[in-house]
Amino acid sequence: MGILFVLIFWAVIFLLLSLVSGLLTLPFTYFLCKEQRKRRMILSFFTPGVALFTYAASSLVAMITIAIILGTDIGIGDS
């Protein structure tokens, strides 16, 4: 139960952080880009979320790899 709670907690934190980051980039993109504005606004909104998801996924893979090699706990929760 502890590990699931920690994973859900961090997923919510990353979701909120990527949403806020995406919303902060929209005004800059709107005012700075004259051509292909709609495409660039969509790209600027999704880029922080993709970056945070990539970071979270690669961190989880690295923790699992280290846990398998060293034979230790993966580092989240209390297992």
C-alpha atoms as a PDB file:
ATOM      1  CA  MET A   1       0.000   0.000   0.000  1.00  0.00           C
ATOM      2  CA  GLY A   2       2.858   2.381   0.791  1.00  0.00           C
ATOM      3  CA  ILE A   3       4.553   2.095  -2.603  1.00  0.00           C
ATOM      4  CA  LEU A   4       1.290   2.625  -4.487  1.00  0.00           C
ATOM      5  CA  PHE A   5       0.530   5.729  -2.418  1.00  0.00           C
ATOM      6  CA  VAL A   6       3.982   7.176  -3.130  1.00  0.00           C
ATOM      7  CA  LEU A   7       3.668   6.511  -6.880  1.00  0.00           C
ATOM      8  CA  ILE A   8       0.214   8.093  -7.042  1.00  0.00           C
ATOM      9  CA  PHE A   9       1.419  11.068  -4.987  1.00  0.00           C
ATOM     10  CA  TRP A  10       4.354  11.730  -7.333  1.00  0.00           C
ATOM     11  CA  ALA A  11       2.171  11.215 -10.415  1.00  0.00           C
ATOM     12  CA  VAL A  12      -0.216  13.912  -9.154  1.00  0.00           C
ATOM     13  CA  ILE A  13       2.689  16.243  -8.337  1.00  0.00           C
ATOM     14  CA  PHE A  14       4.225  15.757 -11.803  1.00  0.00           C
ATOM     15  CA  LEU A  15       0.833  16.234 -13.456  1.00  0.00           C
ATOM     16  CA  LEU A  16       0.196  19.517 -11.643  1.00  0.00           C
ATOM     17  CA  LEU A  17       3.731  20.749 -12.257  1.00  0.00           C
ATOM     18  CA  SER A  18       3.563  19.992 -15.977  1.00  0.00           C
ATOM     19  CA  LEU A  19       0.108  21.599 -16.245  1.00  0.00           C
ATOM     20  CA  VAL A  20       1.299  24.809 -14.569  1.00  0.00           C
ATOM     21  CA  SER A  21       4.485  24.860 -16.663  1.00  0.00           C
ATOM     22  CA  GLY A  22       2.492  24.340 -19.837  1.00  0.00           C
ATOM     23  CA  LEU A  23       0.065  27.112 -18.959  1.00  0.00           C
ATOM     24  CA  LEU A  24       2.959  29.485 -18.204  1.00  0.00           C
ATOM     25  CA  THR A  25       4.478  28.934 -21.646  1.00  0.00           C
ATOM     26  CA  LEU A  26       1.270  29.653 -23.574  1.00  0.00           C
ATOM     27  CA  PRO A  27       1.284  33.478 -23.284  1.00  0.00           C
ATOM     28  CA  PHE A  28       4.938  33.671 -24.322  1.00  0.00           C
ATOM     29  CA  THR A  29       4.269  31.517 -27.362  1.00  0.00           C
ATOM     30  CA  TYR A  30       1.178  33.514 -28.276  1.00  0.00           C
ATOM     31  CA  PHE A  31       2.995  36.837 -28.263  1.00  0.00           C
ATOM     32  CA  LEU A  32       6.369  35.708 -29.649  1.00  0.00           C
ATOM     33  CA  CYS A  33       5.270  33.453 -32.527  1.00  0.00           C
ATOM     34  CA  LYS A  34       3.552  35.054 -35.484  1.00  0.00           C
ATOM     35  CA  GLU A  35       3.429  32.179 -37.968  1.00  0.00           C
ATOM     36  CA  GLN A  36       2.155  28.690 -37.176  1.00  0.00           C
ATOM     37  CA  ARG A  37       0.902  30.055 -33.855  1.00  0.00           C
ATOM     38  CA  LYS A  38      -1.608  27.282 -33.112  1.00  0.00           C
ATOM     39  CA  ARG A  39       0.891  24.465 -33.744  1.00  0.00           C
ATOM     40  CA  ARG A  40       3.583  26.106 -31.624  1.00  0.00           C
ATOM     41  CA  MET A  41       1.168  26.808 -28.771  1.00  0.00           C
ATOM     42  CA  ILE A  42       0.169  23.141 -28.648  1.00  0.00           C
ATOM     43  CA  LEU A  43       3.825  22.123 -28.728  1.00  0.00           C
ATOM     44  CA  SER A  44       4.765  24.586 -25.973  1.00  0.00           C
ATOM     45  CA  PHE A  45       1.912  23.329 -23.781  1.00  0.00           C
ATOM     46  CA  PHE A  46       2.870  19.649 -24.074  1.00  0.00           C
ATOM     47  CA  THR A  47       6.669  19.996 -23.897  1.00  0.00           C
ATOM     48  CA  PRO A  48       6.973  20.380 -20.071  1.00  0.00           C
ATOM     49  CA  GLY A  49       4.697  17.393 -19.498  1.00  0.00           C
ATOM     50  CA  VAL A  50       6.667  15.196 -21.869  1.00  0.00           C
ATOM     51  CA  ALA A  51       9.936  16.284 -20.251  1.00  0.00           C
ATOM     52  CA  LEU A  52       8.676  15.551 -16.719  1.00  0.00           C
ATOM     53  CA  PHE A  53       7.241  12.184 -17.763  1.00  0.00           C
ATOM     54  CA  THR A  54      10.530  11.258 -19.429  1.00  0.00           C
ATOM     55  CA  TYR A  55      12.424  12.222 -16.271  1.00  0.00           C
ATOM     56  CA  ALA A  56      10.072  10.218 -14.034  1.00  0.00           C
ATOM     57  CA  ALA A  57      10.143   7.145 -16.261  1.00  0.00           C
ATOM     58  CA  SER A  58      13.919   7.159 -16.631  1.00  0.00           C
ATOM     59  CA  SER A  59      14.349   7.650 -12.869  1.00  0.00           C
ATOM     60  CA  LEU A  60      12.107   4.665 -12.177  1.00  0.00           C
ATOM     61  CA  VAL A  61      14.017   2.514 -14.687  1.00  0.00           C
ATOM     62  CA  ALA A  62      17.327   3.573 -13.127  1.00  0.00           C
ATOM     63  CA  MET A  63      16.074   2.785  -9.597  1.00  0.00           C
ATOM     64  CA  ILE A  64      14.864  -0.659 -10.671  1.00  0.00           C
ATOM     65  CA  THR A  65      18.126  -1.383 -12.515  1.00  0.00           C
ATOM     66  CA  ILE A  66      20.213  -0.410  -9.493  1.00  0.00           C
ATOM     67  CA  ALA A  67      17.945  -2.454  -7.218  1.00  0.00           C
ATOM     68  CA  ILE A  68      18.394  -5.540  -9.398  1.00  0.00           C
ATOM     69  CA  ILE A  69      22.166  -5.148  -9.674  1.00  0.00           C
ATOM     70  CA  LEU A  70      22.789  -4.395  -5.988  1.00  0.00           C
ATOM     71  CA  GLY A  71      19.951  -6.492  -4.588  1.00  0.00           C
ATOM     72  CA  THR A  72      18.457  -3.621  -2.567  1.00  0.00           C
ATOM     73  CA  ASP A  73      15.092  -1.878  -2.288  1.00  0.00           C
ATOM     74  CA  ILE A  74      14.193   0.382  -5.220  1.00  0.00           C
ATOM     75  CA  GLY A  75      14.032   3.397  -2.934  1.00  0.00           C
ATOM     76  CA  ILE A  76      10.350   4.270  -2.769  1.00  0.00           C
ATOM     77  CA  GLY A  77       7.862   3.412  -0.078  1.00  0.00           C
ATOM     78  CA  ASP A  78       8.729   1.299   2.931  1.00  0.00           C
ATOM     79  CA  SER A  79       9.195  -2.189   1.505  1.00  0.00           C
END
